[in-house]
Protein backbone atom coordinates (compact mmCIF):
# COMPACT_ATOMS: atom_id res chain seq x y z
CA MET A 1 204.38 151.20 131.12
CA ARG A 2 201.93 148.34 131.73
CA LYS A 3 199.46 150.73 133.34
CA ILE A 4 199.43 153.01 130.26
CA LEU A 5 199.05 150.03 127.93
CA TRP A 6 196.19 148.69 130.08
CA ILE A 7 194.42 152.09 130.00
CA LEU A 8 194.79 152.34 126.21
CA LEU A 9 193.45 148.82 125.79
CA MET A 10 190.41 149.58 127.96
CA CYS A 11 189.71 152.78 126.01
CA ALA A 12 189.83 150.83 122.75
CA VAL A 13 187.40 148.22 124.08
CA VAL A 14 184.96 150.88 125.32
CA ALA A 15 185.14 152.78 122.03
CA SER A 16 184.56 149.60 120.06
CA ALA A 17 181.59 148.59 122.19
CA SER A 18 179.96 152.02 121.96
CA ALA A 19 180.44 152.15 118.19
CA GLN A 20 178.80 148.75 117.81
CA SER A 21 175.82 149.67 119.97
CA THR A 22 175.05 152.85 118.00
CA SER A 23 175.43 151.25 114.58
CA SER A 24 173.53 148.08 115.43
CA LYS A 25 170.15 149.83 115.21
CA TYR A 26 170.74 150.49 111.51
CA GLN A 27 170.35 147.58 109.13
CA PRO A 28 170.44 147.16 105.37
CA GLY A 29 167.25 147.78 103.45
CA LEU A 30 166.58 147.19 99.76
CA ILE A 31 164.44 149.70 97.86
CA MET A 32 161.98 147.49 95.99
CA SER A 33 159.92 150.15 94.17
CA VAL A 34 159.29 153.89 93.93
CA GLU A 35 155.89 155.08 92.67
CA GLN A 36 154.25 158.49 92.66
CA HIS A 37 151.59 158.72 95.39
CA PRO A 38 148.11 159.25 93.95
CA GLU A 39 146.92 162.72 94.96
CA LEU A 40 143.21 163.34 95.50
CA ASN A 41 143.38 166.99 94.47
CA ALA A 42 145.99 167.29 91.72
CA ALA A 43 145.09 170.94 91.05
CA THR A 44 146.92 172.19 94.15
CA ASP A 45 150.58 173.16 94.15
CA SER A 46 151.40 170.69 96.91
CA PRO A 47 154.69 168.84 96.52
CA LYS A 48 154.65 165.43 94.89
CA ARG A 49 154.84 162.49 97.27
CA TYR A 50 156.05 158.97 96.61
CA ASP A 51 155.19 155.50 97.86
CA ILE A 52 158.44 153.61 98.43
CA ALA A 53 158.63 149.90 99.25
CA ILE A 54 161.68 148.95 101.33
CA LYS A 55 162.56 145.35 102.20
CA VAL A 56 164.28 144.98 105.58
CA GLY A 57 164.92 141.37 106.59
CA ASN A 58 161.79 139.44 105.69
CA THR A 59 159.46 142.46 105.97
CA ILE A 60 158.45 144.90 103.24
CA TYR A 61 157.61 148.38 104.51
CA SER A 62 155.62 150.87 102.47
CA VAL A 63 156.61 154.43 103.37
CA LEU A 64 155.36 157.83 102.23
CA TYR A 65 158.23 160.05 101.07
CA THR A 66 157.98 163.78 100.41
CA PRO A 67 161.21 164.92 98.77
CA PRO A 68 162.78 168.24 99.77
CA PRO A 69 162.50 170.97 97.10
CA GLY A 70 165.09 170.59 94.36
CA THR A 71 165.67 166.89 95.06
CA TYR A 72 165.65 164.56 92.10
CA GLY A 73 167.00 161.16 91.11
CA PHE A 74 165.51 159.16 93.97
CA GLN A 75 162.72 158.07 91.60
CA TYR A 76 165.28 155.76 89.98
CA SER A 77 166.62 154.22 93.22
CA ALA A 78 164.74 150.89 93.03
CA GLY A 79 167.25 148.09 93.59
CA GLN A 80 169.53 150.24 95.72
CA GLU A 81 170.52 149.27 99.27
CA ILE A 82 170.42 151.80 102.10
CA LEU A 83 170.93 151.62 105.84
CA VAL A 84 167.71 152.18 107.78
CA SER A 85 166.51 152.17 111.35
CA VAL A 86 163.00 150.77 111.72
CA GLY A 87 160.87 152.27 114.46
CA PRO A 88 157.29 151.55 115.46
CA LYS A 89 155.82 154.22 113.14
CA THR A 90 158.76 155.53 111.07
CA ILE A 91 161.83 154.44 109.16
CA THR A 92 164.91 156.62 109.58
CA TYR A 93 167.67 156.89 106.97
CA ASN A 94 170.64 159.17 106.40
CA ASP A 95 171.05 161.17 103.21
CA MET A 96 174.35 161.56 101.37
CA LEU A 97 175.33 164.42 103.68
CA GLY A 98 174.73 162.31 106.79
CA ARG A 99 171.52 164.07 107.83
CA SER A 100 168.84 161.83 109.36
CA HIS A 101 165.35 161.79 107.88
CA ALA A 102 162.31 159.89 109.16
CA VAL A 103 159.48 158.81 106.86
CA PRO A 104 156.13 157.44 108.05
CA ILE A 105 155.40 153.74 107.65
CA VAL A 106 152.09 153.33 105.81
CA SER A 107 151.99 149.54 105.91
CA ARG A 108 154.12 146.46 106.46
CA SER A 109 153.88 142.94 105.09
CA THR A 110 155.90 139.75 105.15
CA ALA A 111 158.09 139.27 102.09
CA PRO A 112 157.40 136.15 100.05
CA GLU A 113 159.98 133.42 100.52
CA LYS A 114 162.26 132.68 97.62
CA ALA A 115 161.64 129.42 95.85
CA VAL A 116 164.56 127.05 96.38
CA PRO A 117 165.26 124.88 93.35
CA ASN A 118 165.01 121.15 93.97
CA ARG A 119 168.42 119.73 93.05
CA SER A 120 167.76 116.19 94.31
CA HIS A 121 167.04 114.90 90.79
CA GLN A 122 170.40 115.80 89.28
């Protein structure tokens, strides 16, 4: 009986450790803004692209997003949190169906620090 309990306990520990290692690469990101990307040649029938600013930790990433045909509503997602995985040249996110998508990072900058109110005079 102890042997079976010990095996079950070890399986639970291994499963927990593997779940933590795969989910640790994803972290919360806050969509700061969504703006239509300026197109040089607007006369073509190329799909619209969007510049999206995502804050992850103390870094703001600007990514170029080309929505799949028939996709709408993401234009109003500023202020929404999503889980992202930041790579050297791309940011990966999962859509509502769990499919992974990677978007290219155009630029990155350090987010301004929040001003902390001085409460020493109260």
